[in-house]
Amino acid sequence: MSIVATFAVLAIAVLHLYILVLEMFLWTTPRARASFGTTEEFASSTKTLAANQGLYNGFLAAGLVWGAVAADPVGFQAKVFFLVCVAVAGAYGAATSSRRILFVQTVPALVALALVVAAR
């Protein structure tokens, strides 16, 4: 169970690294615009805001990787903290931006959190 939980945590980290790349570096490209449902004009005018948001996703990814590699009890605590952060951010995004975020971010984070707690 511990290996499955660690894999789930690292998968969430990879997802957030991908979001970082989309928001910080590819925000105005057709791929990112399609992913986030934005227009070219909107993407151009919000490029700086998206980059800032991407940076926060990078911090979430870094915290998840830290939790995955750190020894317990710190590793466990970091995984729980950052998975809860991901879930809360996803719930807020689903409530204010797109319900799709609930299934892309919140649900996977809660599944990973359940695995981490069960592995303990």
PDB file of N, CA and C in Angstrom:
ATOM      1  N   MET A   1       0.824  -1.200   0.000  1.00  0.00           N
ATOM      2  CA  MET A   1       0.000   0.000   0.000  1.00  0.00           C
ATOM      3  C   MET A   1       0.864   1.259   0.000  1.00  0.00           C
ATOM      4  N   SER A   2       1.988   1.212   0.691  1.00  0.00           N
ATOM      5  CA  SER A   2       2.878   2.361   0.765  1.00  0.00           C
ATOM      6  C   SER A   2       3.401   2.766  -0.615  1.00  0.00           C
ATOM      7  N   ILE A   3       3.724   1.799  -1.448  1.00  0.00           N
ATOM      8  CA  ILE A   3       4.234   2.095  -2.797  1.00  0.00           C
ATOM      9  C   ILE A   3       3.132   2.726  -3.637  1.00  0.00           C
ATOM     10  N   VAL A   4       1.918   2.209  -3.523  1.00  0.00           N
ATOM     11  CA  VAL A   4       0.780   2.758  -4.272  1.00  0.00           C
ATOM     12  C   VAL A   4       0.524   4.201  -3.824  1.00  0.00           C
ATOM     13  N   ALA A   5       0.564   4.444  -2.528  1.00  0.00           N
ATOM     14  CA  ALA A   5       0.339   5.794  -1.999  1.00  0.00           C
ATOM     15  C   ALA A   5       1.414   6.755  -2.493  1.00  0.00           C
ATOM     16  N   THR A   6       2.658   6.318  -2.465  1.00  0.00           N
ATOM     17  CA  THR A   6       3.756   7.173  -2.941  1.00  0.00           C
ATOM     18  C   THR A   6       3.612   7.455  -4.431  1.00  0.00           C
ATOM     19  N   PHE A   7       3.255   6.445  -5.201  1.00  0.00           N
ATOM     20  CA  PHE A   7       3.028   6.637  -6.630  1.00  0.00           C
ATOM     21  C   PHE A   7       1.912   7.648  -6.870  1.00  0.00           C
ATOM     22  N   ALA A   8       0.826   7.557  -6.095  1.00  0.00           N
ATOM     23  CA  ALA A   8      -0.292   8.493  -6.242  1.00  0.00           C
ATOM     24  C   ALA A   8       0.149   9.926  -5.931  1.00  0.00           C
ATOM     25  N   VAL A   9       0.927  10.087  -4.869  1.00  0.00           N
ATOM     26  CA  VAL A   9       1.435  11.418  -4.503  1.00  0.00           C
ATOM     27  C   VAL A   9       2.306  11.979  -5.625  1.00  0.00           C
ATOM     28  N   LEU A  10       3.192  11.145  -6.148  1.00  0.00           N
ATOM     29  CA  LEU A  10       4.075  11.607  -7.233  1.00  0.00           C
ATOM     30  C   LEU A  10       3.291  11.889  -8.519  1.00  0.00           C
ATOM     31  N   ALA A  11       2.226  11.148  -8.764  1.00  0.00           N
ATOM     32  CA  ALA A  11       1.378  11.421  -9.937  1.00  0.00           C
ATOM     33  C   ALA A  11       0.708  12.788  -9.809  1.00  0.00           C
ATOM     34  N   ILE A  12       0.248  13.121  -8.613  1.00  0.00           N
ATOM     35  CA  ILE A  12      -0.342  14.449  -8.376  1.00  0.00           C
ATOM     36  C   ILE A  12       0.728  15.526  -8.572  1.00  0.00           C
ATOM     37  N   ALA A  13       1.938  15.262  -8.116  1.00  0.00           N
ATOM     38  CA  ALA A  13       3.038  16.219  -8.314  1.00  0.00           C
ATOM     39  C   ALA A  13       3.309  16.434  -9.791  1.00  0.00           C
ATOM     40  N   VAL A  14       3.339  15.370 -10.563  1.00  0.00           N
ATOM     41  CA  VAL A  14       3.568  15.484 -12.018  1.00  0.00           C
ATOM     42  C   VAL A  14       2.446  16.281 -12.674  1.00  0.00           C
ATOM     43  N   LEU A  15       1.223  16.035 -12.260  1.00  0.00           N
ATOM     44  CA  LEU A  15       0.087  16.802 -12.785  1.00  0.00           C
ATOM     45  C   LEU A  15       0.296  18.290 -12.540  1.00  0.00           C
ATOM     46  N   HIS A  16       0.739  18.642 -11.345  1.00  0.00           N
ATOM     47  CA  HIS A  16       0.927  20.055 -11.018  1.00  0.00           C
ATOM     48  C   HIS A  16       2.149  20.653 -11.715  1.00  0.00           C
ATOM     49  N   LEU A  17       3.139  19.849 -11.991  1.00  0.00           N
ATOM     50  CA  LEU A  17       4.254  20.342 -12.814  1.00  0.00           C
ATOM     51  C   LEU A  17       3.772  20.622 -14.243  1.00  0.00           C
ATOM     52  N   TYR A  18       2.908  19.754 -14.753  1.00  0.00           N
ATOM     53  CA  TYR A  18       2.329  19.975 -16.083  1.00  0.00           C
ATOM     54  C   TYR A  18       1.507  21.263 -16.102  1.00  0.00           C
ATOM     55  N   ILE A  19       0.705  21.479 -15.069  1.00  0.00           N
ATOM     56  CA  ILE A  19      -0.082  22.713 -14.984  1.00  0.00           C
ATOM     57  C   ILE A  19       0.844  23.918 -14.898  1.00  0.00           C
ATOM     58  N   LEU A  20       1.939  23.805 -14.139  1.00  0.00           N
ATOM     59  CA  LEU A  20       2.934  24.880 -14.068  1.00  0.00           C
ATOM     60  C   LEU A  20       3.421  25.237 -15.470  1.00  0.00           C
ATOM     61  N   VAL A  21       3.801  24.238 -16.242  1.00  0.00           N
ATOM     62  CA  VAL A  21       4.312  24.491 -17.602  1.00  0.00           C
ATOM     63  C   VAL A  21       3.244  25.160 -18.459  1.00  0.00           C
ATOM     64  N   LEU A  22       2.016  24.659 -18.393  1.00  0.00           N
ATOM     65  CA  LEU A  22       0.938  25.272 -19.177  1.00  0.00           C
ATOM     66  C   LEU A  22       0.724  26.736 -18.786  1.00  0.00           C
ATOM     67  N   GLU A  23       0.688  27.004 -17.495  1.00  0.00           N
ATOM     68  CA  GLU A  23       0.367  28.354 -17.037  1.00  0.00           C
ATOM     69  C   GLU A  23       1.537  29.324 -17.133  1.00  0.00           C
ATOM     70  N   MET A  24       2.741  28.852 -16.888  1.00  0.00           N
ATOM     71  CA  MET A  24       3.879  29.764 -16.887  1.00  0.00           C
ATOM     72  C   MET A  24       4.493  29.969 -18.262  1.00  0.00           C
ATOM     73  N   PHE A  25       4.514  28.929 -19.075  1.00  0.00           N
ATOM     74  CA  PHE A  25       5.269  29.001 -20.328  1.00  0.00           C
ATOM     75  C   PHE A  25       4.427  28.847 -21.593  1.00  0.00           C
ATOM     76  N   LEU A  26       3.290  28.200 -21.493  1.00  0.00           N
ATOM     77  CA  LEU A  26       2.496  27.906 -22.692  1.00  0.00           C
ATOM     78  C   LEU A  26       1.119  28.560 -22.684  1.00  0.00           C
ATOM     79  N   TRP A  27       0.890  29.485 -21.774  1.00  0.00           N
ATOM     80  CA  TRP A  27      -0.431  30.057 -21.536  1.00  0.00           C
ATOM     81  C   TRP A  27      -1.114  30.570 -22.808  1.00  0.00           C
ATOM     82  N   THR A  28      -0.375  31.181 -23.691  1.00  0.00           N
ATOM     83  CA  THR A  28      -0.992  31.779 -24.886  1.00  0.00           C
ATOM     84  C   THR A  28      -1.010  30.833 -26.090  1.00  0.00           C
ATOM     85  N   THR A  29      -0.535  29.618 -25.932  1.00  0.00           N
ATOM     86  CA  THR A  29      -0.520  28.670 -27.051  1.00  0.00           C
ATOM     87  C   THR A  29      -1.902  28.028 -27.220  1.00  0.00           C
ATOM     88  N   PRO A  30      -2.170  27.537 -28.418  1.00  0.00           N
ATOM     89  CA  PRO A  30      -3.462  26.877 -28.642  1.00  0.00           C
ATOM     90  C   PRO A  30      -3.730  25.720 -27.671  1.00  0.00           C
ATOM     91  N   ARG A  31      -2.703  24.960 -27.331  1.00  0.00           N
ATOM     92  CA  ARG A  31      -2.875  23.820 -26.419  1.00  0.00           C
ATOM     93  C   ARG A  31      -3.358  24.280 -25.042  1.00  0.00           C
ATOM     94  N   ALA A  32      -2.700  25.284 -24.482  1.00  0.00           N
ATOM     95  CA  ALA A  32      -3.097  25.776 -23.160  1.00  0.00           C
ATOM     96  C   ALA A  32      -4.463  26.445 -23.219  1.00  0.00           C
ATOM     97  N   ARG A  33      -4.699  27.209 -24.284  1.00  0.00           N
ATOM     98  CA  ARG A  33      -6.000  27.870 -24.418  1.00  0.00           C
ATOM     99  C   ARG A  33      -7.119  26.844 -24.512  1.00  0.00           C
ATOM    100  N   ALA A  34      -6.881  25.741 -25.196  1.00  0.00           N
ATOM    101  CA  ALA A  34      -7.884  24.679 -25.283  1.00  0.00           C
ATOM    102  C   ALA A  34      -8.076  24.007 -23.924  1.00  0.00           C
ATOM    103  N   SER A  35      -6.988  23.784 -23.202  1.00  0.00           N
ATOM    104  CA  SER A  35      -7.068  23.146 -21.887  1.00  0.00           C
ATOM    105  C   SER A  35      -7.873  23.970 -20.895  1.00  0.00           C
ATOM    106  N   PHE A  36      -7.680  25.283 -20.950  1.00  0.00           N
ATOM    107  CA  PHE A  36      -8.332  26.166 -19.990  1.00  0.00           C
ATOM    108  C   PHE A  36      -9.556  26.876 -20.553  1.00  0.00           C
ATOM    109  N   GLY A  37      -9.859  26.656 -21.826  1.00  0.00           N
ATOM    110  CA  GLY A  37     -11.044  27.254 -22.441  1.00  0.00           C
ATOM    111  C   GLY A  37     -10.972  28.767 -22.541  1.00  0.00           C
ATOM    112  N   THR A  38      -9.803  29.281 -22.901  1.00  0.00           N
ATOM    113  CA  THR A  38      -9.642  30.734 -23.000  1.00  0.00           C
ATOM    114  C   THR A  38      -9.486  31.162 -24.452  1.00  0.00           C
ATOM    115  N   THR A  39      -9.758  32.415 -24.687  1.00  0.00           N
ATOM    116  CA  THR A  39      -9.553  32.992 -26.015  1.00  0.00           C
ATOM    117  C   THR A  39      -8.128  33.529 -26.108  1.00  0.00           C
ATOM    118  N   GLU A  40      -7.725  33.818 -27.320  1.00  0.00           N
ATOM    119  CA  GLU A  40      -6.389  34.389 -27.523  1.00  0.00           C
ATOM    120  C   GLU A  40      -6.247  35.726 -26.815  1.00  0.00           C
ATOM    121  N   GLU A  41      -7.294  36.542 -26.881  1.00  0.00           N
ATOM    122  CA  GLU A  41      -7.264  37.861 -26.242  1.00  0.00           C
ATOM    123  C   GLU A  41      -7.178  37.733 -24.720  1.00  0.00           C
ATOM    124  N   PHE A  42      -7.990  36.847 -24.176  1.00  0.00           N
ATOM    125  CA  PHE A  42      -7.971  36.648 -22.729  1.00  0.00           C
ATOM    126  C   PHE A  42      -6.612  36.130 -22.276  1.00  0.00           C
ATOM    127  N   ALA A  43      -6.084  35.150 -22.993  1.00  0.00           N
ATOM    128  CA  ALA A  43      -4.781  34.584 -22.627  1.00  0.00           C
ATOM    129  C   ALA A  43      -3.693  35.652 -22.666  1.00  0.00           C
ATOM    130  N   SER A  44      -3.717  36.488 -23.670  1.00  0.00           N
ATOM    131  CA  SER A  44      -2.712  37.553 -23.768  1.00  0.00           C
ATOM    132  C   SER A  44      -2.818  38.540 -22.611  1.00  0.00           C
ATOM    133  N   SER A  45      -4.037  38.889 -22.248  1.00  0.00           N
ATOM    134  CA  SER A  45      -4.208  39.894 -21.195  1.00  0.00           C
ATOM    135  C   SER A  45      -4.000  39.331 -19.789  1.00  0.00           C
ATOM    136  N   THR A  46      -3.996  38.010 -19.625  1.00  0.00           N
ATOM    137  CA  THR A  46      -3.843  37.415 -18.294  1.00  0.00           C
ATOM    138  C   THR A  46      -2.558  36.600 -18.156  1.00  0.00           C
ATOM    139  N   LYS A  47      -1.636  36.798 -19.070  1.00  0.00           N
ATOM    140  CA  LYS A  47      -0.405  36.006 -19.082  1.00  0.00           C
ATOM    141  C   LYS A  47       0.360  36.102 -17.759  1.00  0.00           C
ATOM    142  N   THR A  48       0.491  37.286 -17.199  1.00  0.00           N
ATOM    143  CA  THR A  48       1.219  37.472 -15.941  1.00  0.00           C
ATOM    144  C   THR A  48       0.488  36.802 -14.784  1.00  0.00           C
ATOM    145  N   LEU A  49      -0.824  36.938 -14.749  1.00  0.00           N
ATOM    146  CA  LEU A  49      -1.601  36.293 -13.688  1.00  0.00           C
ATOM    147  C   LEU A  49      -1.478  34.770 -13.770  1.00  0.00           C
ATOM    148  N   ALA A  50      -1.533  34.234 -14.980  1.00  0.00           N
ATOM    149  CA  ALA A  50      -1.408  32.783 -15.161  1.00  0.00           C
ATOM    150  C   ALA A  50      -0.028  32.293 -14.724  1.00  0.00           C
ATOM    151  N   ALA A  51       0.999  33.058 -15.029  1.00  0.00           N
ATOM    152  CA  ALA A  51       2.352  32.668 -14.625  1.00  0.00           C
ATOM    153  C   ALA A  51       2.454  32.606 -13.100  1.00  0.00           C
ATOM    154  N   ASN A  52       1.848  33.564 -12.423  1.00  0.00           N
ATOM    155  CA  ASN A  52       1.834  33.568 -10.964  1.00  0.00           C
ATOM    156  C   ASN A  52       1.104  32.336 -10.435  1.00  0.00           C
ATOM    157  N   GLN A  53      -0.011  32.021 -11.048  1.00  0.00           N
ATOM    158  CA  GLN A  53      -0.780  30.841 -10.662  1.00  0.00           C
ATOM    159  C   GLN A  53       0.033  29.570 -10.913  1.00  0.00           C
ATOM    160  N   GLY A  54       0.746  29.531 -12.016  1.00  0.00           N
ATOM    161  CA  GLY A  54       1.591  28.387 -12.336  1.00  0.00           C
ATOM    162  C   GLY A  54       2.675  28.185 -11.296  1.00  0.00           C
ATOM    163  N   LEU A  55       3.238  29.281 -10.816  1.00  0.00           N
ATOM    164  CA  LEU A  55       4.263  29.196  -9.785  1.00  0.00           C
ATOM    165  C   LEU A  55       3.722  28.521  -8.532  1.00  0.00           C
ATOM    166  N   TYR A  56       2.505  28.857  -8.153  1.00  0.00           N
ATOM    167  CA  TYR A  56       1.885  28.218  -6.995  1.00  0.00           C
ATOM    168  C   TYR A  56       1.698  26.720  -7.226  1.00  0.00           C
ATOM    169  N   ASN A  57       1.342  26.329  -8.436  1.00  0.00           N
ATOM    170  CA  ASN A  57       1.236  24.907  -8.745  1.00  0.00           C
ATOM    171  C   ASN A  57       2.593  24.221  -8.614  1.00  0.00           C
ATOM    172  N   GLY A  58       3.646  24.933  -8.967  1.00  0.00           N
ATOM    173  CA  GLY A  58       4.992  24.402  -8.789  1.00  0.00           C
ATOM    174  C   GLY A  58       5.336  24.185  -7.326  1.00  0.00           C
ATOM    175  N   PHE A  59       4.904  25.103  -6.466  1.00  0.00           N
ATOM    176  CA  PHE A  59       5.137  24.936  -5.033  1.00  0.00           C
ATOM    177  C   PHE A  59       4.393  23.715  -4.491  1.00  0.00           C
ATOM    178  N   LEU A  60       3.168  23.502  -4.984  1.00  0.00           N
ATOM    179  CA  LEU A  60       2.430  22.311  -4.573  1.00  0.00           C
ATOM    180  C   LEU A  60       3.173  21.047  -5.000  1.00  0.00           C
ATOM    181  N   ALA A  61       3.656  21.036  -6.237  1.00  0.00           N
ATOM    182  CA  ALA A  61       4.408  19.878  -6.739  1.00  0.00           C
ATOM    183  C   ALA A  61       5.664  19.641  -5.904  1.00  0.00           C
ATOM    184  N   ALA A  62       6.381  20.707  -5.598  1.00  0.00           N
ATOM    185  CA  ALA A  62       7.606  20.575  -4.801  1.00  0.00           C
ATOM    186  C   ALA A  62       7.302  20.007  -3.421  1.00  0.00           C
ATOM    187  N   GLY A  63       6.239  20.470  -2.806  1.00  0.00           N
ATOM    188  CA  GLY A  63       5.856  19.951  -1.495  1.00  0.00           C
ATOM    189  C   GLY A  63       5.470  18.487  -1.542  1.00  0.00           C
ATOM    190  N   LEU A  64       4.793  18.081  -2.600  1.00  0.00           N
ATOM    191  CA  LEU A  64       4.407  16.680  -2.739  1.00  0.00           C
ATOM    192  C   LEU A  64       5.629  15.785  -2.944  1.00  0.00           C
ATOM    193  N   VAL A  65       6.574  16.244  -3.747  1.00  0.00           N
ATOM    194  CA  VAL A  65       7.808  15.473  -3.946  1.00  0.00           C
ATOM    195  C   VAL A  65       8.581  15.388  -2.631  1.00  0.00           C
ATOM    196  N   TRP A  66       8.659  16.491  -1.924  1.00  0.00           N
ATOM    197  CA  TRP A  66       9.322  16.502  -0.620  1.00  0.00           C
ATOM    198  C   TRP A  66       8.675  15.465   0.298  1.00  0.00           C
ATOM    199  N   GLY A  67       7.355  15.454   0.357  1.00  0.00           N
ATOM    200  CA  GLY A  67       6.658  14.494   1.192  1.00  0.00           C
ATOM    201  C   GLY A  67       6.918  13.055   0.774  1.00  0.00           C
ATOM    202  N   ALA A  68       7.027  12.844  -0.533  1.00  0.00           N
ATOM    203  CA  ALA A  68       7.248  11.486  -1.044  1.00  0.00           C
ATOM    204  C   ALA A  68       8.640  10.953  -0.712  1.00  0.00           C
ATOM    205  N   VAL A  69       9.615  11.840  -0.611  1.00  0.00           N
ATOM    206  CA  VAL A  69      10.996  11.383  -0.381  1.00  0.00           C
ATOM    207  C   VAL A  69      11.468  11.554   1.059  1.00  0.00           C
ATOM    208  N   ALA A  70      10.788  12.367   1.842  1.00  0.00           N
ATOM    209  CA  ALA A  70      11.209  12.606   3.230  1.00  0.00           C
ATOM    210  C   ALA A  70      10.828  11.421   4.114  1.00  0.00           C
ATOM    211  N   ALA A  71      11.641  11.198   5.114  1.00  0.00           N
ATOM    212  CA  ALA A  71      11.347  10.141   6.086  1.00  0.00           C
ATOM    213  C   ALA A  71      10.193  10.576   6.984  1.00  0.00           C
ATOM    214  N   ASP A  72       9.469   9.591   7.497  1.00  0.00           N
ATOM    215  CA  ASP A  72       8.392   9.891   8.438  1.00  0.00           C
ATOM    216  C   ASP A  72       8.985  10.310   9.779  1.00  0.00           C
ATOM    217  N   PRO A  73       8.346  11.148  10.543  1.00  0.00           N
ATOM    218  CA  PRO A  73       6.990  11.623  10.372  1.00  0.00           C
ATOM    219  C   PRO A  73       6.854  12.814   9.426  1.00  0.00           C
ATOM    220  N   VAL A  74       7.959  13.458   9.074  1.00  0.00           N
ATOM    221  CA  VAL A  74       7.894  14.651   8.223  1.00  0.00           C
ATOM    222  C   VAL A  74       7.298  14.329   6.860  1.00  0.00           C
ATOM    223  N   GLY A  75       7.688  13.216   6.267  1.00  0.00           N
ATOM    224  CA  GLY A  75       7.163  12.845   4.955  1.00  0.00           C
ATOM    225  C   GLY A  75       5.652  12.695   4.982  1.00  0.00           C
ATOM    226  N   PHE A  76       5.146  11.994   5.981  1.00  0.00           N
ATOM    227  CA  PHE A  76       3.701  11.817   6.123  1.00  0.00           C
ATOM    228  C   PHE A  76       3.014  13.165   6.293  1.00  0.00           C
ATOM    229  N   GLN A  77       3.552  13.994   7.166  1.00  0.00           N
ATOM    230  CA  GLN A  77       2.947  15.301   7.427  1.00  0.00           C
ATOM    231  C   GLN A  77       2.940  16.177   6.177  1.00  0.00           C
ATOM    232  N   ALA A  78       4.027  16.170   5.443  1.00  0.00           N
ATOM    233  CA  ALA A  78       4.104  16.982   4.217  1.00  0.00           C
ATOM    234  C   ALA A  78       3.117  16.472   3.176  1.00  0.00           C
ATOM    235  N   LYS A  79       3.032  15.160   3.006  1.00  0.00           N
ATOM    236  CA  LYS A  79       2.081  14.603   2.037  1.00  0.00           C
ATOM    237  C   LYS A  79       0.661  15.007   2.399  1.00  0.00           C
ATOM    238  N   VAL A  80       0.299  14.853   3.659  1.00  0.00           N
ATOM    239  CA  VAL A  80      -1.058  15.209   4.083  1.00  0.00           C
ATOM    240  C   VAL A  80      -1.311  16.698   3.858  1.00  0.00           C
ATOM    241  N   PHE A  81      -0.382  17.529   4.307  1.00  0.00           N
ATOM    242  CA  PHE A  81      -0.566  18.979   4.166  1.00  0.00           C
ATOM    243  C   PHE A  81      -0.744  19.390   2.708  1.00  0.00           C
ATOM    244  N   PHE A  82       0.163  18.946   1.837  1.00  0.00           N
ATOM    245  CA  PHE A  82       0.107  19.390   0.448  1.00  0.00           C
ATOM    246  C   PHE A  82      -1.046  18.756  -0.318  1.00  0.00           C
ATOM    247  N   LEU A  83      -1.430  17.537   0.002  1.00  0.00           N
ATOM    248  CA  LEU A  83      -2.610  16.953  -0.645  1.00  0.00           C
ATOM    249  C   LEU A  83      -3.881  17.695  -0.236  1.00  0.00           C
ATOM    250  N   VAL A  84      -3.963  18.094   1.027  1.00  0.00           N
ATOM    251  CA  VAL A  84      -5.114  18.896   1.468  1.00  0.00           C
ATOM    252  C   VAL A  84      -5.111  20.237   0.747  1.00  0.00           C
ATOM    253  N   CYS A  85      -3.940  20.850   0.601  1.00  0.00           N
ATOM    254  CA  CYS A  85      -3.845  22.115  -0.147  1.00  0.00           C
ATOM    255  C   CYS A  85      -4.335  21.952  -1.581  1.00  0.00           C
ATOM    256  N   VAL A  86      -3.927  20.876  -2.237  1.00  0.00           N
ATOM    257  CA  VAL A  86      -4.367  20.609  -3.609  1.00  0.00           C
ATOM    258  C   VAL A  86      -5.887  20.440  -3.650  1.00  0.00           C
ATOM    259  N   ALA A  87      -6.424  19.667  -2.715  1.00  0.00           N
ATOM    260  CA  ALA A  87      -7.864  19.423  -2.687  1.00  0.00           C
ATOM    261  C   ALA A  87      -8.648  20.718  -2.460  1.00  0.00           C
ATOM    262  N   VAL A  88      -8.188  21.540  -1.530  1.00  0.00           N
ATOM    263  CA  VAL A  88      -8.871  22.806  -1.246  1.00  0.00           C
ATOM    264  C   VAL A  88      -8.774  23.747  -2.452  1.00  0.00           C
ATOM    265  N   ALA A  89      -7.593  23.844  -3.050  1.00  0.00           N
ATOM    266  CA  ALA A  89      -7.439  24.691  -4.236  1.00  0.00           C
ATOM    267  C   ALA A  89      -8.337  24.200  -5.367  1.00  0.00           C
ATOM    268  N   GLY A  90      -8.427  22.888  -5.523  1.00  0.00           N
ATOM    269  CA  GLY A  90      -9.298  22.331  -6.557  1.00  0.00           C
ATOM    270  C   GLY A  90     -10.768  22.613  -6.280  1.00  0.00           C
ATOM    271  N   ALA A  91     -11.177  22.487  -5.030  1.00  0.00           N
ATOM    272  CA  ALA A  91     -12.571  22.774  -4.668  1.00  0.00           C
ATOM    273  C   ALA A  91     -12.893  24.245  -4.929  1.00  0.00           C
ATOM    274  N   TYR A  92     -11.973  25.122  -4.587  1.00  0.00           N
ATOM    275  CA  TYR A  92     -12.183  26.552  -4.839  1.00  0.00           C
ATOM    276  C   TYR A  92     -12.255  26.812  -6.345  1.00  0.00           C
ATOM    277  N   GLY A  93     -11.350  26.205  -7.096  1.00  0.00           N
ATOM    278  CA  GLY A  93     -11.370  26.369  -8.547  1.00  0.00           C
ATOM    279  C   GLY A  93     -12.642  25.832  -9.164  1.00  0.00           C
ATOM    280  N   ALA A  94     -13.136  24.711  -8.650  1.00  0.00           N
ATOM    281  CA  ALA A  94     -14.382  24.143  -9.163  1.00  0.00           C
ATOM    282  C   ALA A  94     -15.565  25.053  -8.862  1.00  0.00           C
ATOM    283  N   ALA A  95     -15.540  25.683  -7.699  1.00  0.00           N
ATOM    284  CA  ALA A  95     -16.643  26.570  -7.319  1.00  0.00           C
ATOM    285  C   ALA A  95     -16.610  27.898  -8.054  1.00  0.00           C
ATOM    286  N   THR A  96     -15.421  28.359  -8.417  1.00  0.00           N
ATOM    287  CA  THR A  96     -15.308  29.705  -8.995  1.00  0.00           C
ATOM    288  C   THR A  96     -14.964  29.735 -10.473  1.00  0.00           C
ATOM    289  N   SER A  97     -14.469  28.631 -11.016  1.00  0.00           N
ATOM    290  CA  SER A  97     -13.999  28.670 -12.396  1.00  0.00           C
ATOM    291  C   SER A  97     -14.641  27.603 -13.266  1.00  0.00           C
ATOM    292  N   SER A  98     -14.399  26.334 -12.954  1.00  0.00           N
ATOM    293  CA  SER A  98     -14.902  25.232 -13.769  1.00  0.00           C
ATOM    294  C   SER A  98     -15.075  23.986 -12.918  1.00  0.00           C
ATOM    295  N   ARG A  99     -16.229  23.367 -13.014  1.00  0.00           N
ATOM    296  CA  ARG A  99     -16.475  22.141 -12.251  1.00  0.00           C
ATOM    297  C   ARG A  99     -15.507  21.026 -12.631  1.00  0.00           C
ATOM    298  N   ARG A 100     -14.965  21.105 -13.831  1.00  0.00           N
ATOM    299  CA  ARG A 100     -14.013  20.098 -14.303  1.00  0.00           C
ATOM    300  C   ARG A 100     -12.808  19.986 -13.367  1.00  0.00           C
ATOM    301  N   ILE A 101     -12.430  21.096 -12.738  1.00  0.00           N
ATOM    302  CA  ILE A 101     -11.286  21.114 -11.831  1.00  0.00           C
ATOM    303  C   ILE A 101     -11.505  20.143 -10.665  1.00  0.00           C
ATOM    304  N   LEU A 102     -12.749  19.979 -10.276  1.00  0.00           N
ATOM    305  CA  LEU A 102     -13.064  19.050  -9.194  1.00  0.00           C
ATOM    306  C   LEU A 102     -12.569  17.642  -9.514  1.00  0.00           C
ATOM    307  N   PHE A 103     -12.729  17.234 -10.765  1.00  0.00           N
ATOM    308  CA  PHE A 103     -12.363  15.878 -11.169  1.00  0.00           C
ATOM    309  C   PHE A 103     -10.903  15.753 -11.596  1.00  0.00           C
ATOM    310  N   VAL A 104     -10.309  16.865 -12.000  1.00  0.00           N
ATOM    311  CA  VAL A 104      -8.905  16.854 -12.418  1.00  0.00           C
ATOM    312  C   VAL A 104      -7.981  17.021 -11.226  1.00  0.00           C
ATOM    313  N   GLN A 105      -8.413  17.769 -10.224  1.00  0.00           N
ATOM    314  CA  GLN A 105      -7.527  18.128  -9.121  1.00  0.00           C
ATOM    315  C   GLN A 105      -8.010  17.610  -7.764  1.00  0.00           C
ATOM    316  N   THR A 106      -9.248  17.908  -7.398  1.00  0.00           N
ATOM    317  CA  THR A 106      -9.709  17.582  -6.047  1.00  0.00           C
ATOM    318  C   THR A 106      -9.864  16.083  -5.814  1.00  0.00           C
ATOM    319  N   VAL A 107     -10.577  15.410  -6.709  1.00  0.00           N
ATOM    320  CA  VAL A 107     -10.815  13.980  -6.521  1.00  0.00           C
ATOM    321  C   VAL A 107      -9.506  13.186  -6.485  1.00  0.00           C
ATOM    322  N   PRO A 108      -8.573  13.404  -7.441  1.00  0.00           N
ATOM    323  CA  PRO A 108      -7.304  12.667  -7.339  1.00  0.00           C
ATOM    324  C   PRO A 108      -6.538  12.959  -6.042  1.00  0.00           C
ATOM    325  N   ALA A 109      -6.577  14.207  -5.585  1.00  0.00           N
ATOM    326  CA  ALA A 109      -5.881  14.551  -4.338  1.00  0.00           C
ATOM    327  C   ALA A 109      -6.512  13.826  -3.153  1.00  0.00           C
ATOM    328  N   LEU A 110      -7.826  13.744  -3.130  1.00  0.00           N
ATOM    329  CA  LEU A 110      -8.495  13.056  -2.019  1.00  0.00           C
ATOM    330  C   LEU A 110      -8.248  11.543  -2.061  1.00  0.00           C
ATOM    331  N   VAL A 111      -8.195  10.979  -3.260  1.00  0.00           N
ATOM    332  CA  VAL A 111      -7.867   9.551  -3.385  1.00  0.00           C
ATOM    333  C   VAL A 111      -6.448   9.307  -2.887  1.00  0.00           C
ATOM    334  N   ALA A 112      -5.507  10.152  -3.316  1.00  0.00           N
ATOM    335  CA  ALA A 112      -4.115  10.011  -2.858  1.00  0.00           C
ATOM    336  C   ALA A 112      -4.026  10.192  -1.350  1.00  0.00           C
ATOM    337  N   LEU A 113      -4.773  11.144  -0.810  1.00  0.00           N
ATOM    338  CA  LEU A 113      -4.783  11.360   0.642  1.00  0.00           C
ATOM    339  C   LEU A 113      -5.292  10.124   1.366  1.00  0.00           C
ATOM    340  N   ALA A 114      -6.347   9.520   0.860  1.00  0.00           N
ATOM    341  CA  ALA A 114      -6.874   8.295   1.483  1.00  0.00           C
ATOM    342  C   ALA A 114      -5.843   7.176   1.441  1.00  0.00           C
ATOM    343  N   LEU A 115      -5.119   7.057   0.326  1.00  0.00           N
ATOM    344  CA  LEU A 115      -4.077   6.048   0.218  1.00  0.00           C
ATOM    345  C   LEU A 115      -2.930   6.307   1.199  1.00  0.00           C
ATOM    346  N   VAL A 116      -2.548   7.564   1.333  1.00  0.00           N
ATOM    347  CA  VAL A 116      -1.457   7.918   2.255  1.00  0.00           C
ATOM    348  C   VAL A 116      -1.872   7.593   3.695  1.00  0.00           C
ATOM    349  N   VAL A 117      -3.076   7.942   4.071  1.00  0.00           N
ATOM    350  CA  VAL A 117      -3.544   7.672   5.436  1.00  0.00           C
ATOM    351  C   VAL A 117      -3.680   6.167   5.651  1.00  0.00           C
ATOM    352  N   ALA A 118      -4.202   5.445   4.667  1.00  0.00           N
ATOM    353  CA  ALA A 118      -4.349   3.992   4.793  1.00  0.00           C
ATOM    354  C   ALA A 118      -3.003   3.284   4.893  1.00  0.00           C
ATOM    355  N   ALA A 119      -1.994   3.839   4.223  1.00  0.00           N
ATOM    356  CA  ALA A 119      -0.654   3.230   4.249  1.00  0.00           C
ATOM    357  C   ALA A 119       0.047   3.459   5.575  1.00  0.00           C
ATOM    358  N   ARG A 120      -0.385   4.416   6.314  1.00  0.00           N
ATOM    359  CA  ARG A 120       0.249   4.753   7.600  1.00  0.00           C
ATOM    360  C   ARG A 120      -0.095   3.671   8.570  1.00  0.00           C
TER     361      ARG A 120
END
